[in-house]
Amino acid sequence: MIMNLKNKKIGIWGFGIVGASVFNYVKNFTNYVQILDKKEHPEIEVIIQTPESLEKFLEENDYIIPSPGIPLHNYKNYQHKFLCELDLFIPNYQNSIIAVTGTAGKTTITT
């Protein structure tokens, strides 16, 4: 998979728990990270999502990590840019992993 993120433009679409974790990880590999979210976050620079800013965001970034739950079916022209957070983390982790993924039920199953 990818793992050469050096000098790549990384877009993080959504700045919740996953987006913040991805940001903390990828900032070690590149100085170019954009965050697109529907709301402001005082602790970090965020592009507020509008139809225009979303289109520009999708065009400008080499790789885009969307938050879980963002429906991507309307963005087929950009599917070659989409990665999930596991695409970034797993190749650099050598121990066993138990992962609970998906958009619903993670809290219930892990509790």
Protein backbone atom coordinates (compact mmCIF):
# COMPACT_ATOMS: atom_id res chain seq x y z
CA MET A 1 0.00 0.00 0.00
CA ILE A 2 1.11 3.59 0.15
CA MET A 3 3.38 4.50 2.84
CA ASN A 4 5.41 7.16 1.22
CA LEU A 5 3.54 10.21 2.45
CA LYS A 6 6.56 12.49 2.30
CA ASN A 7 5.71 15.67 0.39
CA LYS A 8 2.20 14.41 -0.35
CA LYS A 9 -0.86 16.59 0.09
CA ILE A 10 -3.06 14.88 2.66
CA GLY A 11 -6.68 15.87 3.16
CA ILE A 12 -8.59 14.89 6.28
CA TRP A 13 -12.33 15.08 5.72
CA GLY A 14 -13.96 15.43 9.12
CA PHE A 15 -12.17 16.28 12.35
CA GLY A 16 -13.71 13.98 14.93
CA ILE A 17 -11.87 11.26 16.84
CA VAL A 18 -10.61 9.51 13.70
CA GLY A 19 -9.69 12.75 11.92
CA ALA A 20 -7.71 14.02 14.92
CA SER A 21 -5.85 10.71 15.20
CA VAL A 22 -5.03 10.72 11.50
CA PHE A 23 -3.80 14.31 11.76
CA ASN A 24 -1.48 13.47 14.66
CA TYR A 25 -0.07 10.58 12.63
CA VAL A 26 0.37 12.12 9.16
CA LYS A 27 1.90 15.38 10.38
CA ASN A 28 5.01 13.28 11.08
CA PHE A 29 5.39 12.57 7.35
CA THR A 30 4.32 15.72 5.53
CA ASN A 31 3.96 19.43 6.12
CA TYR A 32 0.92 19.69 3.88
CA VAL A 33 -2.25 18.60 5.67
CA GLN A 34 -5.66 20.15 5.06
CA ILE A 35 -8.66 19.55 7.30
CA LEU A 36 -12.19 19.98 5.99
CA ASP A 37 -15.04 19.97 8.50
CA LYS A 38 -18.53 21.35 8.89
CA LYS A 39 -17.59 23.31 12.00
CA GLU A 40 -14.70 25.35 13.31
CA HIS A 41 -12.13 23.90 15.71
CA PRO A 42 -10.33 26.64 17.66
CA GLU A 43 -7.27 24.47 18.27
CA ILE A 44 -6.47 23.93 14.57
CA GLU A 45 -6.94 25.53 11.16
CA VAL A 46 -9.97 24.03 9.43
CA ILE A 47 -11.57 24.68 6.06
CA ILE A 48 -15.31 25.01 6.58
CA GLN A 49 -17.17 22.62 4.30
CA THR A 50 -19.30 24.18 1.58
CA PRO A 51 -19.98 22.72 -1.87
CA GLU A 52 -17.24 24.94 -3.29
CA SER A 53 -14.64 24.24 -0.58
CA LEU A 54 -15.34 20.49 -0.81
CA GLU A 55 -14.71 20.44 -4.56
CA LYS A 56 -11.45 22.37 -4.17
CA PHE A 57 -10.39 20.11 -1.27
CA LEU A 58 -11.01 16.97 -3.34
CA GLU A 59 -9.06 18.39 -6.28
CA GLU A 60 -6.04 19.71 -4.34
CA ASN A 61 -5.12 16.72 -2.19
CA ASP A 62 -3.15 13.64 -3.27
CA TYR A 63 -4.77 11.43 -0.62
CA ILE A 64 -7.98 11.98 1.33
CA ILE A 65 -8.88 10.25 4.57
CA PRO A 66 -12.63 10.65 5.10
CA SER A 67 -14.11 10.13 8.54
CA PRO A 68 -16.16 6.95 8.94
CA GLY A 69 -19.76 7.52 7.99
CA ILE A 70 -19.15 10.07 5.23
CA PRO A 71 -21.04 8.72 2.21
CA LEU A 72 -18.57 8.56 -0.67
CA HIS A 73 -20.82 7.18 -3.41
CA ASN A 74 -21.28 10.64 -4.99
CA TYR A 75 -17.51 11.14 -5.34
CA LYS A 76 -16.51 8.29 -7.67
CA ASN A 77 -14.16 10.59 -9.61
CA TYR A 78 -12.00 10.79 -6.49
CA GLN A 79 -12.15 7.20 -5.26
CA HIS A 80 -8.50 6.67 -6.22
CA LYS A 81 -7.58 9.27 -3.56
CA PHE A 82 -9.61 7.85 -0.67
CA LEU A 83 -7.87 5.92 2.10
CA CYS A 84 -9.13 4.72 5.42
CA GLU A 85 -7.11 5.24 8.59
CA LEU A 86 -6.19 1.55 8.64
CA ASP A 87 -4.46 1.94 5.26
CA LEU A 88 -2.05 4.32 7.00
CA PHE A 89 -1.53 2.61 10.34
CA ILE A 90 -1.38 -1.14 9.63
CA PRO A 91 1.70 -1.25 7.35
CA ASN A 92 3.73 0.42 10.11
CA TYR A 93 2.52 -1.78 12.95
CA GLN A 94 4.03 -5.23 13.40
CA ASN A 95 2.09 -6.70 16.35
CA SER A 96 -1.29 -8.42 16.41
CA ILE A 97 -4.34 -6.26 15.87
CA ILE A 98 -7.94 -6.69 16.87
CA ALA A 99 -10.00 -4.06 15.07
CA VAL A 100 -13.66 -3.19 15.33
CA THR A 101 -14.59 -1.13 12.29
CA GLY A 102 -17.72 0.25 10.68
CA THR A 103 -20.12 3.09 11.33
CA ALA A 104 -22.42 1.50 13.90
CA GLY A 105 -22.02 -0.72 16.94
CA LYS A 106 -18.36 -0.17 17.86
CA THR A 107 -19.11 1.32 21.28
CA THR A 108 -21.64 -1.37 22.09
CA ILE A 109 -19.38 -4.26 21.12
CA THR A 110 -16.29 -2.88 22.87
CA THR A 111 -18.21 -2.06 26.06
